[in-house]
Amino acid sequence: MNKTDISVKILIVGDVHGEWGKLSKLINRHRPDMVLSCGDFGYWPKWKGSRSYLLRNRDVPIHFCDGNHEDHESLRQVGEDGRAPGMENVFYRRRGTTLVLPDGRTVLFMGGADSIDKKYRTPGYDWFPEETIKQSDIGALPDCRVDIVISHTCPSDLLPYMLEVDTRKTNDPSNAALSIVLAKYQPGLWYFGHWHTSLMGRTGNTEWRALNMAADTGWWEWLKPGPGKRLSLETEEDFNHNLPKVL
């Protein structure tokens, strides 16, 4: 096998919720070249115990979209380069931003979702109205080819599957917004978290994956390689052992 046939090893993870030790252990075990996170990363820099020194893997770049359970006030302060203060290898990818992978595929990040527990939270402290996807986010979508979408919740098109998991997450404008994203780009792959389950399926030309929360079964997966690429044999074995339930 020619080395050029081996894809860059990219891990996709579901809701981390600030479980830095579990994320670090996963990275140490599998040594990815990059990590993409589907929101609820656990970005609460003003809270004691959430500091980045708990994230030990400083040589692996981590790119995350925002979930509903993030400090959105602090996220607004992140610079245009996305580098999270004090977390030199961690990058916040705002809604509608893209990242071109080494194999040439383009990833679109589209975080945001509604918190079903917001009535128990304090506005401006641990809940922020910016958590849901807004019309302005949709209006700012880029006009380019998108191969992969990383979001926190899912498009409305997938709700018939997800409502079997949790019927409380039905009144979220973010789902309808993500359906616009799905229709606009029709990406080959779509990964999301939020629902705390492990499922996969296909809608039209899009293969989608719901990832669980850290460290529950199905909370991570290797990104499928692009055309003409393949994973290493070791990574293929990991991939096959971590396949989620098929719908």
Protein backbone atom coordinates (compact mmCIF):
# COMPACT_ATOMS: atom_id res chain seq x y z
CA MET A 1 0.00 0.00 0.00
CA ASN A 2 1.40 3.38 -1.03
CA LYS A 3 1.66 5.86 1.85
CA THR A 4 -0.13 8.48 -0.23
CA ASP A 5 -3.25 6.30 -0.06
CA ILE A 6 -3.52 6.72 3.72
CA SER A 7 -5.84 9.50 4.84
CA VAL A 8 -4.97 11.99 7.56
CA LYS A 9 -6.32 10.59 10.82
CA ILE A 10 -9.14 12.88 11.98
CA LEU A 11 -11.28 12.10 15.02
CA ILE A 12 -14.85 13.39 15.28
CA VAL A 13 -16.17 13.63 18.85
CA GLY A 14 -19.60 14.31 20.31
CA ASP A 15 -20.37 16.40 23.39
CA VAL A 16 -17.21 16.66 25.50
CA HIS A 17 -18.83 18.79 28.26
CA GLY A 18 -15.40 19.78 29.58
CA GLU A 19 -14.36 16.19 30.24
CA TRP A 20 -10.75 17.07 29.37
CA GLY A 21 -9.30 13.95 30.96
CA LYS A 22 -11.47 11.68 28.82
CA LEU A 23 -10.66 13.64 25.66
CA SER A 24 -6.94 13.59 26.47
CA LYS A 25 -7.03 9.85 27.06
CA LEU A 26 -8.77 9.31 23.72
CA ILE A 27 -6.18 11.41 21.90
CA ASN A 28 -3.26 9.69 23.64
CA ARG A 29 -4.61 6.28 22.74
CA HIS A 30 -5.36 6.89 19.05
CA ARG A 31 -2.95 9.74 18.15
CA PRO A 32 -5.08 11.55 15.56
CA ASP A 33 -3.69 14.33 13.40
CA MET A 34 -6.74 16.50 14.17
CA VAL A 35 -9.95 16.49 16.24
CA LEU A 36 -13.30 17.98 15.19
CA SER A 37 -15.86 18.52 17.97
CA CYS A 38 -19.65 18.69 17.48
CA GLY A 39 -20.36 21.33 20.13
CA ASP A 40 -20.97 21.36 23.88
CA PHE A 41 -17.20 21.27 24.01
CA GLY A 42 -17.35 22.77 27.49
CA TYR A 43 -15.93 26.23 26.88
CA TRP A 44 -16.44 28.01 30.20
CA PRO A 45 -13.15 29.94 30.68
CA LYS A 46 -14.50 32.01 33.58
CA TRP A 47 -15.38 28.93 35.61
CA LYS A 48 -12.82 27.42 37.96
CA GLY A 49 -11.85 23.91 36.86
CA SER A 50 -12.53 24.48 33.17
CA ARG A 51 -9.09 25.89 32.31
CA SER A 52 -7.21 24.48 29.37
CA TYR A 53 -4.26 23.19 31.37
CA LEU A 54 -6.50 20.18 32.00
CA LEU A 55 -6.22 19.47 28.25
CA ARG A 56 -2.78 17.86 28.06
CA ASN A 57 -2.57 17.12 24.33
CA ARG A 58 -1.15 20.38 23.05
CA ASP A 59 0.28 19.03 19.81
CA VAL A 60 -3.07 17.97 18.26
CA PRO A 61 -5.28 20.76 16.82
CA ILE A 62 -8.89 20.66 18.04
CA HIS A 63 -11.63 22.51 16.15
CA PHE A 64 -15.04 22.90 17.81
CA CYS A 65 -18.37 24.46 16.96
CA ASP A 66 -20.50 25.91 19.73
CA GLY A 67 -23.16 23.92 21.50
CA ASN A 68 -25.98 25.25 23.65
CA HIS A 69 -24.02 24.58 26.84
CA GLU A 70 -21.11 26.98 26.27
CA ASP A 71 -20.15 30.41 27.59
CA HIS A 72 -21.37 32.32 24.54
CA GLU A 73 -20.33 35.62 26.08
CA SER A 74 -16.71 34.44 26.18
CA LEU A 75 -16.98 32.89 22.72
CA ARG A 76 -17.81 36.35 21.34
CA GLN A 77 -14.40 37.51 22.57
CA VAL A 78 -12.46 34.89 20.60
CA GLY A 79 -10.40 36.45 17.81
CA GLU A 80 -10.96 36.00 14.10
CA ASP A 81 -8.37 33.22 13.95
CA GLY A 82 -10.59 31.18 16.29
CA ARG A 83 -7.77 30.45 18.73
CA ALA A 84 -9.25 30.05 22.20
CA PRO A 85 -7.32 32.16 24.78
CA GLY A 86 -5.08 29.95 26.90
CA MET A 87 -5.76 26.93 24.69
CA GLU A 88 -3.11 27.22 22.00
CA ASN A 89 -4.16 24.12 20.07
CA VAL A 90 -7.94 24.69 20.37
CA PHE A 91 -9.89 26.65 17.76
CA TYR A 92 -13.48 27.86 17.98
CA ARG A 93 -15.14 27.69 14.57
CA ARG A 94 -17.98 30.20 14.35
CA ARG A 95 -21.23 29.38 12.58
CA GLY A 96 -20.76 29.40 8.85
CA THR A 97 -16.97 29.19 8.92
CA THR A 98 -15.13 26.59 6.88
CA LEU A 99 -11.97 24.55 7.22
CA VAL A 100 -10.19 22.91 4.29
CA LEU A 101 -8.76 19.52 5.28
CA PRO A 102 -5.40 18.25 4.02
CA ASP A 103 -7.21 16.03 1.50
CA GLY A 104 -8.97 19.05 -0.01
CA ARG A 105 -12.44 18.48 1.44
CA THR A 106 -14.21 21.49 2.96
CA VAL A 107 -15.83 21.32 6.41
CA LEU A 108 -18.60 23.73 7.38
CA PHE A 109 -19.16 24.38 11.09
CA MET A 110 -22.68 25.27 12.20
CA GLY A 111 -23.03 25.18 15.96
CA GLY A 112 -26.00 26.14 18.09
CA ALA A 113 -29.07 24.51 19.65
CA ASP A 114 -31.80 25.15 22.20
CA SER A 115 -31.30 24.22 25.86
CA ILE A 116 -34.20 22.19 27.23
CA ASP A 117 -32.98 23.02 30.76
CA LYS A 118 -32.79 26.79 30.29
CA LYS A 119 -35.54 27.47 32.82
CA TYR A 120 -33.17 26.14 35.47
CA ARG A 121 -30.28 28.34 34.32
CA THR A 122 -29.34 31.97 34.88
CA PRO A 123 -29.26 34.31 31.85
CA GLY A 124 -25.80 35.75 31.29
CA TYR A 125 -24.20 33.22 33.64
CA ASP A 126 -24.88 29.71 32.39
CA TRP A 127 -27.48 30.41 29.69
CA PHE A 128 -27.31 32.75 26.70
CA PRO A 129 -29.96 33.61 24.08
CA GLU A 130 -27.28 33.35 21.38
CA GLU A 131 -27.33 29.56 21.79
CA THR A 132 -29.81 28.96 18.95
CA ILE A 133 -29.07 29.44 15.25
CA LYS A 134 -30.35 32.82 14.04
CA GLN A 135 -31.52 34.06 10.64
CA SER A 136 -28.35 36.17 10.48
CA ASP A 137 -26.28 32.98 10.70
CA ILE A 138 -28.11 31.56 7.71
CA GLY A 139 -27.75 34.81 5.78
CA ALA A 140 -23.98 34.70 6.25
CA LEU A 141 -23.50 31.18 4.89
CA PRO A 142 -20.63 30.98 2.38
CA ASP A 143 -21.16 30.28 -1.30
CA CYS A 144 -18.78 27.38 -1.77
CA ARG A 145 -18.75 23.62 -2.05
CA VAL A 146 -19.17 21.89 1.32
CA ASP A 147 -18.27 18.22 1.70
CA ILE A 148 -18.74 17.77 5.46
CA VAL A 149 -20.91 19.56 8.04
CA ILE A 150 -20.10 19.62 11.76
CA SER A 151 -23.09 20.88 13.75
CA HIS A 152 -24.39 20.55 17.29
CA THR A 153 -27.98 19.52 16.62
CA CYS A 154 -29.52 18.07 13.45
CA PRO A 155 -31.67 19.29 10.53
CA SER A 156 -35.46 18.97 10.84
CA ASP A 157 -35.25 16.24 8.20
CA LEU A 158 -33.76 13.91 10.83
CA LEU A 159 -36.22 14.61 13.64
CA PRO A 160 -38.36 11.52 12.91
CA TYR A 161 -35.33 9.44 13.92
CA MET A 162 -34.15 11.61 16.79
CA LEU A 163 -37.54 12.03 18.49
CA GLU A 164 -37.40 8.34 19.30
CA VAL A 165 -34.39 9.28 21.42
CA ASP A 166 -35.67 12.44 23.17
CA THR A 167 -39.08 14.05 22.56
CA ARG A 168 -38.14 17.17 24.58
CA LYS A 169 -35.92 18.62 21.85
CA THR A 170 -38.72 19.42 19.42
CA ASN A 171 -39.15 23.20 19.71
CA ASP A 172 -35.76 24.29 18.41
CA PRO A 173 -35.51 26.81 15.54
CA SER A 174 -31.99 25.53 14.94
CA ASN A 175 -33.37 22.37 13.32
CA ALA A 176 -35.19 24.31 10.61
CA ALA A 177 -32.10 26.46 10.05
CA LEU A 178 -29.96 23.37 9.57
CA SER A 179 -32.46 22.03 7.02
CA ILE A 180 -31.63 25.12 4.96
CA VAL A 181 -27.94 24.21 5.29
CA LEU A 182 -28.68 20.63 4.20
CA ALA A 183 -30.65 21.77 1.15
CA LYS A 184 -28.03 24.38 0.16
CA TYR A 185 -24.94 22.17 0.31
CA GLN A 186 -26.12 18.53 0.24
CA PRO A 187 -22.85 17.43 1.86
CA GLY A 188 -21.62 13.89 1.62
CA LEU A 189 -21.12 13.63 5.41
CA TRP A 190 -22.82 15.28 8.39
CA TYR A 191 -21.83 14.80 12.05
CA PHE A 192 -23.70 16.16 15.10
CA GLY A 193 -24.04 15.65 18.85
CA HIS A 194 -26.58 17.16 21.29
CA TRP A 195 -28.90 14.13 21.43
CA HIS A 196 -26.57 11.99 23.55
CA THR A 197 -27.01 8.92 21.40
CA SER A 198 -25.17 6.99 18.70
CA LEU A 199 -27.02 6.61 15.41
CA MET A 200 -26.31 6.77 11.71
CA GLY A 201 -28.35 6.92 8.53
CA ARG A 202 -28.69 8.52 5.12
CA THR A 203 -30.92 11.31 3.87
CA GLY A 204 -30.68 11.90 0.12
CA ASN A 205 -26.98 12.10 -0.74
CA THR A 206 -25.96 12.84 2.84
CA GLU A 207 -24.66 10.18 5.22
CA TRP A 208 -25.21 11.41 8.78
CA ARG A 209 -23.90 10.40 12.18
CA ALA A 210 -25.16 11.28 15.65
CA LEU A 211 -22.38 10.98 18.23
CA ASN A 212 -22.84 10.31 21.94
CA MET A 213 -21.41 12.33 24.82
CA ALA A 214 -17.97 11.63 26.30
CA ALA A 215 -17.13 8.70 27.22
CA ASP A 216 -20.38 6.84 26.44
CA THR A 217 -20.46 4.23 23.69
CA GLY A 218 -20.27 5.82 20.26
CA TRP A 219 -19.00 9.24 21.38
CA TRP A 220 -16.21 9.33 18.79
CA GLU A 221 -15.54 8.16 15.27
CA TRP A 222 -12.81 8.40 12.64
CA LEU A 223 -13.70 10.73 9.80
CA LYS A 224 -14.34 8.67 6.71
CA PRO A 225 -11.53 9.23 4.19
CA GLY A 226 -12.16 11.09 0.96
CA PRO A 227 -12.20 9.53 -2.50
CA GLY A 228 -9.01 7.66 -3.34
CA LYS A 229 -7.86 7.61 0.29
CA ARG A 230 -7.96 4.98 2.99
CA LEU A 231 -7.35 4.74 6.70
CA SER A 232 -4.35 2.89 8.08
CA LEU A 233 -5.03 -0.74 9.00
CA GLU A 234 -4.85 0.15 12.70
CA THR A 235 -7.36 2.97 12.28
CA GLU A 236 -9.66 0.79 10.16
CA GLU A 237 -9.79 -1.70 13.02
CA ASP A 238 -10.69 1.08 15.49
CA PHE A 239 -13.30 2.40 13.05
CA ASN A 240 -14.99 -0.97 12.63
CA HIS A 241 -15.14 -1.58 16.38
CA ASN A 242 -16.75 1.81 17.03
CA LEU A 243 -19.49 1.75 14.38
CA PRO A 244 -22.81 3.09 15.76
CA LYS A 245 -26.20 1.48 15.31
CA VAL A 246 -27.42 1.60 11.73
CA LEU A 247 -30.94 2.87 11.02
